[in-house]
PDB file of N, CA and C in Angstrom:
ATOM      1  N   GLY A   1      98.187 107.883  62.724  1.00  0.00           N
ATOM      2  CA  GLY A   1      99.365 108.225  62.050  1.00  0.00           C
ATOM      3  C   GLY A   1     100.603 108.420  62.882  1.00  0.00           C
ATOM      4  N   TYR A   2     100.655 109.528  63.595  1.00  0.00           N
ATOM      5  CA  TYR A   2     101.883 109.911  64.286  1.00  0.00           C
ATOM      6  C   TYR A   2     102.321 108.844  65.294  1.00  0.00           C
ATOM      7  N   GLU A   3     101.423 108.464  66.192  1.00  0.00           N
ATOM      8  CA  GLU A   3     101.769 107.478  67.220  1.00  0.00           C
ATOM      9  C   GLU A   3     102.180 106.146  66.600  1.00  0.00           C
ATOM     10  N   PHE A   4     101.444 105.709  65.576  1.00  0.00           N
ATOM     11  CA  PHE A   4     101.770 104.444  64.924  1.00  0.00           C
ATOM     12  C   PHE A   4     103.178 104.511  64.333  1.00  0.00           C
ATOM     13  N   GLY A   5     103.475 105.566  63.608  1.00  0.00           N
ATOM     14  CA  GLY A   5     104.790 105.710  62.988  1.00  0.00           C
ATOM     15  C   GLY A   5     105.920 105.693  63.996  1.00  0.00           C
ATOM     16  N   GLN A   6     105.726 106.390  65.103  1.00  0.00           N
ATOM     17  CA  GLN A   6     106.750 106.402  66.147  1.00  0.00           C
ATOM     18  C   GLN A   6     106.979 104.998  66.701  1.00  0.00           C
ATOM     19  N   HIS A   7     105.877 104.265  66.896  1.00  0.00           N
ATOM     20  CA  HIS A   7     106.002 102.941  67.497  1.00  0.00           C
ATOM     21  C   HIS A   7     106.486 101.877  66.515  1.00  0.00           C
ATOM     22  N   VAL A   8     106.305 102.094  65.226  1.00  0.00           N
ATOM     23  CA  VAL A   8     106.912 101.193  64.245  1.00  0.00           C
ATOM     24  C   VAL A   8     108.431 101.254  64.393  1.00  0.00           C
ATOM     25  N   VAL A   9     108.959 102.449  64.475  1.00  0.00           N
ATOM     26  CA  VAL A   9     110.409 102.621  64.615  1.00  0.00           C
ATOM     27  C   VAL A   9     110.895 101.988  65.921  1.00  0.00           C
ATOM     28  N   ILE A  10     110.189 102.242  67.009  1.00  0.00           N
ATOM     29  CA  ILE A  10     110.568 101.663  68.305  1.00  0.00           C
ATOM     30  C   ILE A  10     110.476 100.139  68.249  1.00  0.00           C
ATOM     31  N   GLY A  11     109.383  99.625  67.678  1.00  0.00           N
ATOM     32  CA  GLY A  11     109.203  98.177  67.581  1.00  0.00           C
ATOM     33  C   GLY A  11     110.316  97.505  66.801  1.00  0.00           C
ATOM     34  N   LYS A  12     110.691  98.107  65.677  1.00  0.00           N
ATOM     35  CA  LYS A  12     111.784  97.538  64.879  1.00  0.00           C
ATOM     36  C   LYS A  12     113.094  97.566  65.655  1.00  0.00           C
ATOM     37  N   ARG A  13     113.335  98.657  66.350  1.00  0.00           N
ATOM     38  CA  ARG A  13     114.557  98.760  67.148  1.00  0.00           C
ATOM     39  C   ARG A  13     114.594  97.673  68.226  1.00  0.00           C
ATOM     40  N   GLU A  14     113.422  97.299  68.730  1.00  0.00           N
ATOM     41  CA  GLU A  14     113.338  96.278  69.776  1.00  0.00           C
ATOM     42  C   GLU A  14     113.200  94.862  69.227  1.00  0.00           C
ATOM     43  N   GLY A  15     113.260  94.709  67.893  1.00  0.00           N
ATOM     44  CA  GLY A  15     113.313  93.378  67.311  1.00  0.00           C
ATOM     45  C   GLY A  15     112.053  92.872  66.641  1.00  0.00           C
ATOM     46  N   LEU A  16     110.998  93.691  66.547  1.00  0.00           N
ATOM     47  CA  LEU A  16     109.801  93.246  65.835  1.00  0.00           C
ATOM     48  C   LEU A  16     110.063  93.215  64.334  1.00  0.00           C
ATOM     49  N   SER A  17     109.515  92.213  63.682  1.00  0.00           N
ATOM     50  CA  SER A  17     109.651  92.102  62.226  1.00  0.00           C
ATOM     51  C   SER A  17     108.575  92.939  61.537  1.00  0.00           C
ATOM     52  N   ASP A  18     108.777  93.211  60.251  1.00  0.00           N
ATOM     53  CA  ASP A  18     107.755  93.916  59.469  1.00  0.00           C
ATOM     54  C   ASP A  18     106.440  93.147  59.492  1.00  0.00           C
ATOM     55  N   GLU A  19     106.518  91.809  59.432  1.00  0.00           N
ATOM     56  CA  GLU A  19     105.308  90.984  59.437  1.00  0.00           C
ATOM     57  C   GLU A  19     104.563  91.119  60.758  1.00  0.00           C
ATOM     58  N   GLU A  20     105.278  91.144  61.869  1.00  0.00           N
ATOM     59  CA  GLU A  20     104.630  91.295  63.175  1.00  0.00           C
ATOM     60  C   GLU A  20     103.962  92.658  63.292  1.00  0.00           C
ATOM     61  N   ILE A  21     104.635  93.686  62.816  1.00  0.00           N
ATOM     62  CA  ILE A  21     104.063  95.035  62.862  1.00  0.00           C
ATOM     63  C   ILE A  21     102.822  95.107  61.991  1.00  0.00           C
ATOM     64  N   GLU A  22     102.888  94.526  60.797  1.00  0.00           N
ATOM     65  CA  GLU A  22     101.726  94.524  59.902  1.00  0.00           C
ATOM     66  C   GLU A  22     100.570  93.748  60.526  1.00  0.00           C
ATOM     67  N   ARG A  23     100.877  92.655  61.220  1.00  0.00           N
ATOM     68  CA  ARG A  23      99.840  91.838  61.852  1.00  0.00           C
ATOM     69  C   ARG A  23      99.073  92.628  62.912  1.00  0.00           C
ATOM     70  N   VAL A  24      99.750  93.549  63.592  1.00  0.00           N
ATOM     71  CA  VAL A  24      99.064  94.395  64.577  1.00  0.00           C
ATOM     72  C   VAL A  24      97.897  95.121  63.919  1.00  0.00           C
ATOM     73  N   THR A  25      98.086  95.578  62.694  1.00  0.00           N
ATOM     74  CA  THR A  25      97.026  96.332  62.011  1.00  0.00           C
ATOM     75  C   THR A  25      95.836  95.452  61.650  1.00  0.00           C
ATOM     76  N   ARG A  26      96.027  94.126  61.634  1.00  0.00           N
ATOM     77  CA  ARG A  26      94.932  93.193  61.332  1.00  0.00           C
ATOM     78  C   ARG A  26      94.194  92.760  62.586  1.00  0.00           C
ATOM     79  N   GLY A  27      94.716  93.100  63.749  1.00  0.00           N
ATOM     80  CA  GLY A  27      94.001  92.862  64.988  1.00  0.00           C
ATOM     81  C   GLY A  27      94.221  91.508  65.632  1.00  0.00           C
ATOM     82  N   PRO A  28      93.502  91.278  66.730  1.00  0.00           N
ATOM     83  CA  PRO A  28      93.729  90.088  67.545  1.00  0.00           C
ATOM     84  C   PRO A  28      93.317  88.773  66.892  1.00  0.00           C
ATOM     85  N   ASP A  29      92.488  88.825  65.869  1.00  0.00           N
ATOM     86  CA  ASP A  29      92.056  87.593  65.211  1.00  0.00           C
ATOM     87  C   ASP A  29      92.951  87.196  64.040  1.00  0.00           C
ATOM     88  N   ALA A  30      93.981  87.990  63.767  1.00  0.00           N
ATOM     89  CA  ALA A  30      94.912  87.658  62.683  1.00  0.00           C
ATOM     90  C   ALA A  30      95.668  86.383  63.032  1.00  0.00           C
ATOM     91  N   GLU A  31      95.908  85.586  62.030  1.00  0.00           N
ATOM     92  CA  GLU A  31      96.637  84.335  62.221  1.00  0.00           C
ATOM     93  C   GLU A  31      98.067  84.619  62.665  1.00  0.00           C
ATOM     94  N   GLY A  32      98.553  83.812  63.606  1.00  0.00           N
ATOM     95  CA  GLY A  32      99.946  83.909  64.010  1.00  0.00           C
ATOM     96  C   GLY A  32     100.182  84.431  65.412  1.00  0.00           C
ATOM     97  N   TRP A  33      99.146  84.969  66.057  1.00  0.00           N
ATOM     98  CA  TRP A  33      99.344  85.479  67.414  1.00  0.00           C
ATOM     99  C   TRP A  33      99.395  84.341  68.422  1.00  0.00           C
ATOM    100  N   ASP A  34     100.259  84.467  69.376  1.00  0.00           N
ATOM    101  CA  ASP A  34     100.210  83.657  70.585  1.00  0.00           C
ATOM    102  C   ASP A  34      98.873  84.018  71.265  1.00  0.00           C
ATOM    103  N   PRO A  35      98.180  83.068  71.895  1.00  0.00           N
ATOM    104  CA  PRO A  35      96.866  83.365  72.474  1.00  0.00           C
ATOM    105  C   PRO A  35      96.866  84.539  73.453  1.00  0.00           C
ATOM    106  N   PHE A  36      97.906  84.669  74.277  1.00  0.00           N
ATOM    107  CA  PHE A  36      97.911  85.772  75.233  1.00  0.00           C
ATOM    108  C   PHE A  36      98.161  87.109  74.542  1.00  0.00           C
ATOM    109  N   ASP A  37      99.038  87.131  73.537  1.00  0.00           N
ATOM    110  CA  ASP A  37      99.252  88.366  72.780  1.00  0.00           C
ATOM    111  C   ASP A  37      97.954  88.802  72.101  1.00  0.00           C
ATOM    112  N   ALA A  38      97.201  87.835  71.577  1.00  0.00           N
ATOM    113  CA  ALA A  38      95.907  88.151  70.967  1.00  0.00           C
ATOM    114  C   ALA A  38      94.963  88.743  72.010  1.00  0.00           C
ATOM    115  N   THR A  39      95.017  88.222  73.227  1.00  0.00           N
ATOM    116  CA  THR A  39      94.180  88.760  74.302  1.00  0.00           C
ATOM    117  C   THR A  39      94.570  90.200  74.625  1.00  0.00           C
ATOM    118  N   LEU A  40      95.859  90.490  74.656  1.00  0.00           N
ATOM    119  CA  LEU A  40      96.293  91.874  74.908  1.00  0.00           C
ATOM    120  C   LEU A  40      95.811  92.814  73.806  1.00  0.00           C
ATOM    121  N   LEU A  41      95.891  92.371  72.562  1.00  0.00           N
ATOM    122  CA  LEU A  41      95.385  93.198  71.462  1.00  0.00           C
ATOM    123  C   LEU A  41      93.876  93.382  71.571  1.00  0.00           C
ATOM    124  N   ARG A  42      93.166  92.315  71.924  1.00  0.00           N
ATOM    125  CA  ARG A  42      91.714  92.405  72.089  1.00  0.00           C
ATOM    126  C   ARG A  42      91.377  93.399  73.208  1.00  0.00           C
ATOM    127  N   ALA A  43      92.125  93.333  74.303  1.00  0.00           N
ATOM    128  CA  ALA A  43      91.910  94.268  75.409  1.00  0.00           C
ATOM    129  C   ALA A  43      92.112  95.704  74.946  1.00  0.00           C
ATOM    130  N   THR A  44      93.160  95.930  74.182  1.00  0.00           N
ATOM    131  CA  THR A  44      93.423  97.273  73.658  1.00  0.00           C
ATOM    132  C   THR A  44      92.275  97.744  72.778  1.00  0.00           C
ATOM    133  N   ASP A  45      91.813  96.875  71.883  1.00  0.00           N
ATOM    134  CA  ASP A  45      90.694  97.238  71.007  1.00  0.00           C
ATOM    135  C   ASP A  45      89.434  97.524  71.808  1.00  0.00           C
ATOM    136  N   GLU A  46      89.131  96.686  72.798  1.00  0.00           N
ATOM    137  CA  GLU A  46      87.931  96.896  73.613  1.00  0.00           C
ATOM    138  C   GLU A  46      88.008  98.211  74.377  1.00  0.00           C
ATOM    139  N   LEU A  47      89.151  98.486  74.986  1.00  0.00           N
ATOM    140  CA  LEU A  47      89.286  99.736  75.735  1.00  0.00           C
ATOM    141  C   LEU A  47      89.166 100.944  74.813  1.00  0.00           C
ATOM    142  N   HIS A  48      89.755 100.854  73.643  1.00  0.00           N
ATOM    143  CA  HIS A  48      89.685 101.961  72.688  1.00  0.00           C
ATOM    144  C   HIS A  48      88.255 102.169  72.185  1.00  0.00           C
ATOM    145  N   THR A  49      87.578 101.087  71.847  1.00  0.00           N
ATOM    146  CA  THR A  49      86.244 101.172  71.254  1.00  0.00           C
ATOM    147  C   THR A  49      85.150 101.392  72.293  1.00  0.00           C
ATOM    148  N   ASP A  50      85.217 100.639  73.399  1.00  0.00           N
ATOM    149  CA  ASP A  50      84.119 100.615  74.367  1.00  0.00           C
ATOM    150  C   ASP A  50      84.444 101.287  75.697  1.00  0.00           C
ATOM    151  N   ALA A  51      85.709 101.650  75.909  1.00  0.00           N
ATOM    152  CA  ALA A  51      86.164 102.180  77.199  1.00  0.00           C
ATOM    153  C   ALA A  51      85.837 101.202  78.326  1.00  0.00           C
ATOM    154  N   PHE A  52      85.933  99.907  78.011  1.00  0.00           N
ATOM    155  CA  PHE A  52      85.558  98.861  78.959  1.00  0.00           C
ATOM    156  C   PHE A  52      86.134  97.536  78.475  1.00  0.00           C
ATOM    157  N   LEU A  53      86.488  96.659  79.410  1.00  0.00           N
ATOM    158  CA  LEU A  53      86.924  95.313  79.051  1.00  0.00           C
ATOM    159  C   LEU A  53      85.789  94.328  79.303  1.00  0.00           C
ATOM    160  N   SER A  54      85.568  93.445  78.355  1.00  0.00           N
ATOM    161  CA  SER A  54      84.559  92.400  78.538  1.00  0.00           C
ATOM    162  C   SER A  54      85.010  91.461  79.654  1.00  0.00           C
ATOM    163  N   ASP A  55      84.042  90.767  80.243  1.00  0.00           N
ATOM    164  CA  ASP A  55      84.375  89.802  81.290  1.00  0.00           C
ATOM    165  C   ASP A  55      85.323  88.727  80.771  1.00  0.00           C
ATOM    166  N   ALA A  56      85.105  88.273  79.534  1.00  0.00           N
ATOM    167  CA  ALA A  56      85.955  87.221  78.965  1.00  0.00           C
ATOM    168  C   ALA A  56      87.397  87.694  78.819  1.00  0.00           C
ATOM    169  N   THR A  57      87.584  88.920  78.355  1.00  0.00           N
ATOM    170  CA  THR A  57      88.942  89.449  78.189  1.00  0.00           C
ATOM    171  C   THR A  57      89.599  89.666  79.543  1.00  0.00           C
ATOM    172  N   TRP A  58      88.854  90.227  80.493  1.00  0.00           N
ATOM    173  CA  TRP A  58      89.397  90.436  81.835  1.00  0.00           C
ATOM    174  C   TRP A  58      89.837  89.102  82.438  1.00  0.00           C
ATOM    175  N   LYS A  59      88.998  88.085  82.314  1.00  0.00           N
ATOM    176  CA  LYS A  59      89.310  86.767  82.865  1.00  0.00           C
ATOM    177  C   LYS A  59      90.566  86.186  82.207  1.00  0.00           C
ATOM    178  N   ALA A  60      90.686  86.333  80.899  1.00  0.00           N
ATOM    179  CA  ALA A  60      91.860  85.816  80.189  1.00  0.00           C
ATOM    180  C   ALA A  60      93.132  86.542  80.621  1.00  0.00           C
ATOM    181  N   LEU A  61      93.057  87.854  80.808  1.00  0.00           N
ATOM    182  CA  LEU A  61      94.220  88.605  81.285  1.00  0.00           C
ATOM    183  C   LEU A  61      94.570  88.213  82.718  1.00  0.00           C
ATOM    184  N   ALA A  62      93.532  88.058  83.548  1.00  0.00           N
ATOM    185  CA  ALA A  62      93.742  87.748  84.966  1.00  0.00           C
ATOM    186  C   ALA A  62      94.324  86.354  85.181  1.00  0.00           C
ATOM    187  N   ALA A  63      94.243  85.501  84.169  1.00  0.00           N
ATOM    188  CA  ALA A  63      94.854  84.176  84.280  1.00  0.00           C
ATOM    189  C   ALA A  63      96.376  84.271  84.345  1.00  0.00           C
ATOM    190  N   ARG A  64      96.926  85.366  83.841  1.00  0.00           N
ATOM    191  CA  ARG A  64      98.382  85.537  83.838  1.00  0.00           C
ATOM    192  C   ARG A  64      98.829  86.763  84.635  1.00  0.00           C
ATOM    193  N   TYR A  65      98.013  87.803  84.681  1.00  0.00           N
ATOM    194  CA  TYR A  65      98.413  89.069  85.302  1.00  0.00           C
ATOM    195  C   TYR A  65      97.819  89.220  86.694  1.00  0.00           C
ATOM    196  N   ASP A  66      98.593  89.853  87.578  1.00  0.00           N
ATOM    197  CA  ASP A  66      98.070  90.192  88.895  1.00  0.00           C
ATOM    198  C   ASP A  66      97.310  91.519  88.801  1.00  0.00           C
ATOM    199  N   THR A  67      96.752  91.962  89.913  1.00  0.00           N
ATOM    200  CA  THR A  67      95.922  93.167  89.920  1.00  0.00           C
ATOM    201  C   THR A  67      96.684  94.380  89.407  1.00  0.00           C
ATOM    202  N   GLN A  68      97.921  94.562  89.838  1.00  0.00           N
ATOM    203  CA  GLN A  68      98.718  95.709  89.389  1.00  0.00           C
ATOM    204  C   GLN A  68      98.916  95.674  87.878  1.00  0.00           C
ATOM    205  N   GLN A  69      99.214  94.516  87.332  1.00  0.00           N
ATOM    206  CA  GLN A  69      99.420  94.393  85.886  1.00  0.00           C
ATOM    207  C   GLN A  69      98.124  94.638  85.114  1.00  0.00           C
ATOM    208  N   LEU A  70      96.999  94.186  85.653  1.00  0.00           N
ATOM    209  CA  LEU A  70      95.704  94.460  85.016  1.00  0.00           C
ATOM    210  C   LEU A  70      95.446  95.965  84.973  1.00  0.00           C
ATOM    211  N   MET A  71      95.734  96.631  86.084  1.00  0.00           N
ATOM    212  CA  MET A  71      95.573  98.086  86.117  1.00  0.00           C
ATOM    213  C   MET A  71      96.521  98.752  85.127  1.00  0.00           C
ATOM    214  N   ASP A  72      97.739  98.239  85.013  1.00  0.00           N
ATOM    215  CA  ASP A  72      98.708  98.796  84.065  1.00  0.00           C
ATOM    216  C   ASP A  72      98.194  98.722  82.632  1.00  0.00           C
ATOM    217  N   VAL A  73      97.543  97.620  82.261  1.00  0.00           N
ATOM    218  CA  VAL A  73      96.977  97.503  80.913  1.00  0.00           C
ATOM    219  C   VAL A  73      95.968  98.621  80.681  1.00  0.00           C
ATOM    220  N   VAL A  74      95.036  98.782  81.608  1.00  0.00           N
ATOM    221  CA  VAL A  74      93.986  99.792  81.454  1.00  0.00           C
ATOM    222  C   VAL A  74      94.587 101.191  81.378  1.00  0.00           C
ATOM    223  N   PHE A  75      95.498 101.522  82.282  1.00  0.00           N
ATOM    224  CA  PHE A  75      96.066 102.868  82.302  1.00  0.00           C
ATOM    225  C   PHE A  75      97.001 103.132  81.122  1.00  0.00           C
ATOM    226  N   THR A  76      97.718 102.122  80.665  1.00  0.00           N
ATOM    227  CA  THR A  76      98.590 102.311  79.502  1.00  0.00           C
ATOM    228  C   THR A  76      97.769 102.601  78.257  1.00  0.00           C
ATOM    229  N   VAL A  77      96.733 101.810  78.019  1.00  0.00           N
ATOM    230  CA  VAL A  77      95.870 102.061  76.855  1.00  0.00           C
ATOM    231  C   VAL A  77      95.206 103.428  76.985  1.00  0.00           C
ATOM    232  N   GLY A  78      94.733 103.767  78.173  1.00  0.00           N
ATOM    233  CA  GLY A  78      94.110 105.072  78.383  1.00  0.00           C
ATOM    234  C   GLY A  78      95.069 106.218  78.118  1.00  0.00           C
ATOM    235  N   GLN A  79      96.305 106.085  78.565  1.00  0.00           N
ATOM    236  CA  GLN A  79      97.306 107.136  78.340  1.00  0.00           C
ATOM    237  C   GLN A  79      97.577 107.323  76.851  1.00  0.00           C
ATOM    238  N   TYR A  80      97.698 106.217  76.112  1.00  0.00           N
ATOM    239  CA  TYR A  80      97.935 106.341  74.671  1.00  0.00           C
ATOM    240  C   TYR A  80      96.736 106.936  73.954  1.00  0.00           C
ATOM    241  N   ASN A  81      95.529 106.633  74.416  1.00  0.00           N
ATOM    242  CA  ASN A  81      94.356 107.281  73.825  1.00  0.00           C
ATOM    243  C   ASN A  81      94.406 108.787  74.058  1.00  0.00           C
ATOM    244  N   LEU A  82      94.791 109.201  75.258  1.00  0.00           N
ATOM    245  CA  LEU A  82      94.904 110.623  75.572  1.00  0.00           C
ATOM    246  C   LEU A  82      95.944 111.297  74.679  1.00  0.00           C
ATOM    247  N   VAL A  83      97.114 110.682  74.557  1.00  0.00           N
ATOM    248  CA  VAL A  83      98.170 111.253  73.716  1.00  0.00           C
ATOM    249  C   VAL A  83      97.700 111.344  72.265  1.00  0.00           C
ATOM    250  N   SER A  84      97.051 110.293  71.775  1.00  0.00           N
ATOM    251  CA  SER A  84      96.562 110.301  70.389  1.00  0.00           C
ATOM    252  C   SER A  84      95.528 111.393  70.167  1.00  0.00           C
ATOM    253  N   MET A  85      94.616 111.569  71.129  1.00  0.00           N
ATOM    254  CA  MET A  85      93.630 112.649  71.003  1.00  0.00           C
ATOM    255  C   MET A  85      94.324 114.003  70.907  1.00  0.00           C
ATOM    256  N   ALA A  86      95.335 114.195  71.738  1.00  0.00           N
ATOM    257  CA  ALA A  86      96.039 115.475  71.738  1.00  0.00           C
ATOM    258  C   ALA A  86      96.774 115.704  70.425  1.00  0.00           C
ATOM    259  N   VAL A  87      97.567 114.727  69.961  1.00  0.00           N
ATOM    260  CA  VAL A  87      98.340 114.960  68.738  1.00  0.00           C
ATOM    261  C   VAL A  87      97.428 115.095  67.524  1.00  0.00           C
ATOM    262  N   ASN A  88      96.319 114.356  67.496  1.00  0.00           N
ATOM    263  CA  ASN A  88      95.378 114.494  66.382  1.00  0.00           C
ATOM    264  C   ASN A  88      94.693 115.852  66.407  1.00  0.00           C
ATOM    265  N   THR A  89      94.225 116.272  67.579  1.00  0.00           N
ATOM    266  CA  THR A  89      93.528 117.550  67.703  1.00  0.00           C
ATOM    267  C   THR A  89      94.451 118.725  67.416  1.00  0.00           C
ATOM    268  N   LEU A  90      95.692 118.620  67.844  1.00  0.00           N
ATOM    269  CA  LEU A  90      96.649 119.705  67.645  1.00  0.00           C
ATOM    270  C   LEU A  90      97.306 119.673  66.273  1.00  0.00           C
ATOM    271  N   GLY A  91      96.977 118.667  65.478  1.00  0.00           N
ATOM    272  CA  GLY A  91      97.480 118.604  64.110  1.00  0.00           C
ATOM    273  C   GLY A  91      98.945 118.260  63.991  1.00  0.00           C
ATOM    274  N   VAL A  92      99.473 117.505  64.949  1.00  0.00           N
ATOM    275  CA  VAL A  92     100.876 117.101  64.877  1.00  0.00           C
ATOM    276  C   VAL A  92     101.069 116.245  63.628  1.00  0.00           C
ATOM    277  N   GLN A  93     102.030 116.623  62.819  1.00  0.00           N
ATOM    278  CA  GLN A  93     102.280 115.935  61.551  1.00  0.00           C
ATOM    279  C   GLN A  93     103.277 114.802  61.737  1.00  0.00           C
ATOM    280  N   GLN A  94     103.145 113.818  60.874  1.00  0.00           N
ATOM    281  CA  GLN A  94     104.062 112.685  60.871  1.00  0.00           C
ATOM    282  C   GLN A  94     105.481 113.189  60.617  1.00  0.00           C
ATOM    283  N   ASP A  95     106.438 112.682  61.370  1.00  0.00           N
ATOM    284  CA  ASP A  95     107.831 113.035  61.130  1.00  0.00           C
ATOM    285  C   ASP A  95     108.267 112.485  59.778  1.00  0.00           C
ATOM    286  N   GLU A  96     109.108 113.240  59.086  1.00  0.00           N
ATOM    287  CA  GLU A  96     109.596 112.809  57.777  1.00  0.00           C
ATOM    288  C   GLU A  96     110.310 111.466  57.895  1.00  0.00           C
ATOM    289  N   GLY A  97     109.970 110.559  56.997  1.00  0.00           N
ATOM    290  CA  GLY A  97     110.594 109.250  56.973  1.00  0.00           C
ATOM    291  C   GLY A  97     109.945 108.222  57.882  1.00  0.00           C
ATOM    292  N   PHE A  98     108.937 108.631  58.653  1.00  0.00           N
ATOM    293  CA  PHE A  98     108.242 107.697  59.530  1.00  0.00           C
ATOM    294  C   PHE A  98     106.987 107.203  58.832  1.00  0.00           C
ATOM    295  N   PRO A  99     106.669 105.909  58.985  1.00  0.00           N
ATOM    296  CA  PRO A  99     105.467 105.388  58.333  1.00  0.00           C
ATOM    297  C   PRO A  99     104.203 105.863  59.033  1.00  0.00           C
ATOM    298  N   GLY A 100     103.138 106.017  58.267  1.00  0.00           N
ATOM    299  CA  GLY A 100     101.830 106.286  58.841  1.00  0.00           C
ATOM    300  C   GLY A 100     101.080 104.980  59.004  1.00  0.00           C
ATOM    301  N   PHE A 101      99.890 105.050  59.554  1.00  0.00           N
ATOM    302  CA  PHE A 101      99.072 103.850  59.716  1.00  0.00           C
ATOM    303  C   PHE A 101      98.594 103.396  58.350  1.00  0.00           C
ATOM    304  N   PRO A 102      98.743 102.118  58.022  1.00  0.00           N
ATOM    305  CA  PRO A 102      98.305 101.637  56.705  1.00  0.00           C
ATOM    306  C   PRO A 102      96.805 101.848  56.506  1.00  0.00           C
ATOM    307  N   THR A 103      96.420 102.240  55.311  1.00  0.00           N
ATOM    308  CA  THR A 103      95.007 102.498  55.032  1.00  0.00           C
ATOM    309  C   THR A 103      94.360 101.381  54.244  1.00  0.00           C
ATOM    310  N   SER A 104      95.115 100.416  53.782  1.00  0.00           N
ATOM    311  CA  SER A 104      94.501  99.313  53.026  1.00  0.00           C
ATOM    312  C   SER A 104      94.767  97.983  53.672  1.00  0.00           C
TER     313      SER A 104
END
């Protein structure tokens, strides 16, 4: 909820369309992703679900990213997981007027 709503606003401010934002909720296999963007989403899902990147995802990221950038992906996803755990556990409520994560 909270993190998603905040990032919807940021994404729109940075030029993302409603369709692109909605596509994020459908994941890396949703139609319309550039192959590398789909790989980044897959990496995020794997890190969130498994706390690990598959060899295939690591290899796909490494085709474009150097070691520092690969580490940045892992640490960025980890940091957002930490923030989400904190705001969820502490009961931080969605700001008025901000969207929550779609449930359907």
